[in-house]
Amino acid sequence: MSVVVPTETQEKQNELDLDEIKNFVLNLIRKQSFMERNSIIENTLNQFVKIERSKIDIIIAELERANKIKIIAPWRIWKLKSRTD
């Protein structure tokens, strides 16, 4: 027996999963204060085994564009965006 799910339901599920992953990444950085990109990716891959590395890169870029995290050059370390930044 198999379950058939409408395409729009699958798309909504994918969006929810990405939101969950975004929240995971934000909480991970919040707990650590500073994190290297590879550490963020490895921790996320361990938590969400079905996600691709490229999707995590996209999530990190989206969080940075939304000013929720900030890159600290030259080491490419991320931190949460503070109100004073």
C-alpha atoms as a PDB file:
ATOM      1  CA  MET A   1       0.000   0.000   0.000  1.00  0.00           C
ATOM      2  CA  SER A   2       1.341   3.439  -0.860  1.00  0.00           C
ATOM      3  CA  VAL A   3       0.239   6.936  -0.014  1.00  0.00           C
ATOM      4  CA  VAL A   4      -0.236   9.469  -2.778  1.00  0.00           C
ATOM      5  CA  VAL A   5       0.265  13.081  -1.754  1.00  0.00           C
ATOM      6  CA  PRO A   6      -0.760  16.020  -3.960  1.00  0.00           C
ATOM      7  CA  THR A   7       2.151  18.010  -5.380  1.00  0.00           C
ATOM      8  CA  GLU A   8       1.171  21.202  -3.566  1.00  0.00           C
ATOM      9  CA  THR A   9       1.142  19.293  -0.253  1.00  0.00           C
ATOM     10  CA  GLN A  10       4.654  18.024  -0.999  1.00  0.00           C
ATOM     11  CA  GLU A  11       5.811  21.564  -1.799  1.00  0.00           C
ATOM     12  CA  LYS A  12       4.385  22.868   1.479  1.00  0.00           C
ATOM     13  CA  GLN A  13       6.146  20.033   3.333  1.00  0.00           C
ATOM     14  CA  ASN A  14       9.445  20.966   1.670  1.00  0.00           C
ATOM     15  CA  GLU A  15       8.970  24.608   2.700  1.00  0.00           C
ATOM     16  CA  LEU A  16       8.248  23.532   6.271  1.00  0.00           C
ATOM     17  CA  ASP A  17      11.369  21.388   6.299  1.00  0.00           C
ATOM     18  CA  LEU A  18      13.479  24.328   5.095  1.00  0.00           C
ATOM     19  CA  ASP A  19      12.008  26.541   7.820  1.00  0.00           C
ATOM     20  CA  GLU A  20      12.848  23.882  10.377  1.00  0.00           C
ATOM     21  CA  ILE A  21      16.400  23.696   9.049  1.00  0.00           C
ATOM     22  CA  LYS A  22      16.745  27.501   9.090  1.00  0.00           C
ATOM     23  CA  ASN A  23      15.618  27.529  12.716  1.00  0.00           C
ATOM     24  CA  PHE A  24      18.085  24.748  13.521  1.00  0.00           C
ATOM     25  CA  VAL A  25      20.973  26.704  11.951  1.00  0.00           C
ATOM     26  CA  LEU A  26      20.013  29.902  13.800  1.00  0.00           C
ATOM     27  CA  ASN A  27      19.741  28.077  17.126  1.00  0.00           C
ATOM     28  CA  LEU A  28      23.039  26.305  16.494  1.00  0.00           C
ATOM     29  CA  ILE A  29      24.844  29.600  15.901  1.00  0.00           C
ATOM     30  CA  ARG A  30      23.028  31.193  18.849  1.00  0.00           C
ATOM     31  CA  LYS A  31      24.246  28.440  21.196  1.00  0.00           C
ATOM     32  CA  GLN A  32      27.831  28.576  19.941  1.00  0.00           C
ATOM     33  CA  SER A  33      28.057  32.373  19.445  1.00  0.00           C
ATOM     34  CA  PHE A  34      30.495  31.891  16.543  1.00  0.00           C
ATOM     35  CA  MET A  35      30.711  29.008  14.091  1.00  0.00           C
ATOM     36  CA  GLU A  36      32.778  28.068  11.100  1.00  0.00           C
ATOM     37  CA  ARG A  37      30.810  27.342   7.916  1.00  0.00           C
ATOM     38  CA  ASN A  38      31.933  23.695   7.725  1.00  0.00           C
ATOM     39  CA  SER A  39      30.830  23.108  11.323  1.00  0.00           C
ATOM     40  CA  ILE A  40      27.399  24.546  10.570  1.00  0.00           C
ATOM     41  CA  ILE A  41      27.076  22.325   7.512  1.00  0.00           C
ATOM     42  CA  GLU A  42      28.300  19.155   9.253  1.00  0.00           C
ATOM     43  CA  ASN A  43      26.008  19.669  12.267  1.00  0.00           C
ATOM     44  CA  THR A  44      23.049  20.291   9.972  1.00  0.00           C
ATOM     45  CA  LEU A  45      23.831  17.228   7.835  1.00  0.00           C
ATOM     46  CA  ASN A  46      23.967  15.112  11.005  1.00  0.00           C
ATOM     47  CA  GLN A  47      20.586  16.415  12.141  1.00  0.00           C
ATOM     48  CA  PHE A  48      18.828  16.329   8.749  1.00  0.00           C
ATOM     49  CA  VAL A  49      20.221  13.370   6.847  1.00  0.00           C
ATOM     50  CA  LYS A  50      18.155  13.900   3.693  1.00  0.00           C
ATOM     51  CA  ILE A  51      19.251  17.471   3.004  1.00  0.00           C
ATOM     52  CA  GLU A  52      21.949  18.241   0.468  1.00  0.00           C
ATOM     53  CA  ARG A  53      25.005  20.338   1.296  1.00  0.00           C
ATOM     54  CA  SER A  54      24.027  22.826  -1.438  1.00  0.00           C
ATOM     55  CA  LYS A  55      20.666  23.493   0.274  1.00  0.00           C
ATOM     56  CA  ILE A  56      22.471  24.294   3.527  1.00  0.00           C
ATOM     57  CA  ASP A  57      24.668  26.759   1.621  1.00  0.00           C
ATOM     58  CA  ILE A  58      21.491  28.389   0.269  1.00  0.00           C
ATOM     59  CA  ILE A  59      19.982  28.567   3.765  1.00  0.00           C
ATOM     60  CA  ILE A  60      23.136  30.206   5.144  1.00  0.00           C
ATOM     61  CA  ALA A  61      23.098  32.743   2.287  1.00  0.00           C
ATOM     62  CA  GLU A  62      19.394  33.491   2.889  1.00  0.00           C
ATOM     63  CA  LEU A  63      19.987  34.032   6.605  1.00  0.00           C
ATOM     64  CA  GLU A  64      22.862  36.355   5.822  1.00  0.00           C
ATOM     65  CA  ARG A  65      20.785  38.345   3.289  1.00  0.00           C
ATOM     66  CA  ALA A  66      17.987  38.610   5.860  1.00  0.00           C
ATOM     67  CA  ASN A  67      20.532  40.059   8.336  1.00  0.00           C
ATOM     68  CA  LYS A  68      19.935  37.228  10.791  1.00  0.00           C
ATOM     69  CA  ILE A  69      23.563  36.131  10.744  1.00  0.00           C
ATOM     70  CA  LYS A  70      26.732  38.006   9.952  1.00  0.00           C
ATOM     71  CA  ILE A  71      29.908  36.789   8.292  1.00  0.00           C
ATOM     72  CA  ILE A  72      33.146  37.680  10.002  1.00  0.00           C
ATOM     73  CA  ALA A  73      35.971  37.817   7.451  1.00  0.00           C
ATOM     74  CA  PRO A  74      38.547  36.521   6.681  1.00  0.00           C
ATOM     75  CA  TRP A  75      37.789  33.205   8.366  1.00  0.00           C
ATOM     76  CA  ARG A  76      34.212  32.922   7.093  1.00  0.00           C
ATOM     77  CA  ILE A  77      32.798  32.504  10.578  1.00  0.00           C
ATOM     78  CA  TRP A  78      29.140  33.290  11.207  1.00  0.00           C
ATOM     79  CA  LYS A  79      27.514  34.843  14.226  1.00  0.00           C
ATOM     80  CA  LEU A  80      24.022  36.027  14.986  1.00  0.00           C
ATOM     81  CA  LYS A  81      23.353  39.552  13.849  1.00  0.00           C
ATOM     82  CA  SER A  82      23.133  41.723  16.955  1.00  0.00           C
ATOM     83  CA  ARG A  83      21.040  44.850  17.253  1.00  0.00           C
ATOM     84  CA  THR A  84      24.179  46.987  17.376  1.00  0.00           C
ATOM     85  CA  ASP A  85      25.704  45.607  14.122  1.00  0.00           C
END
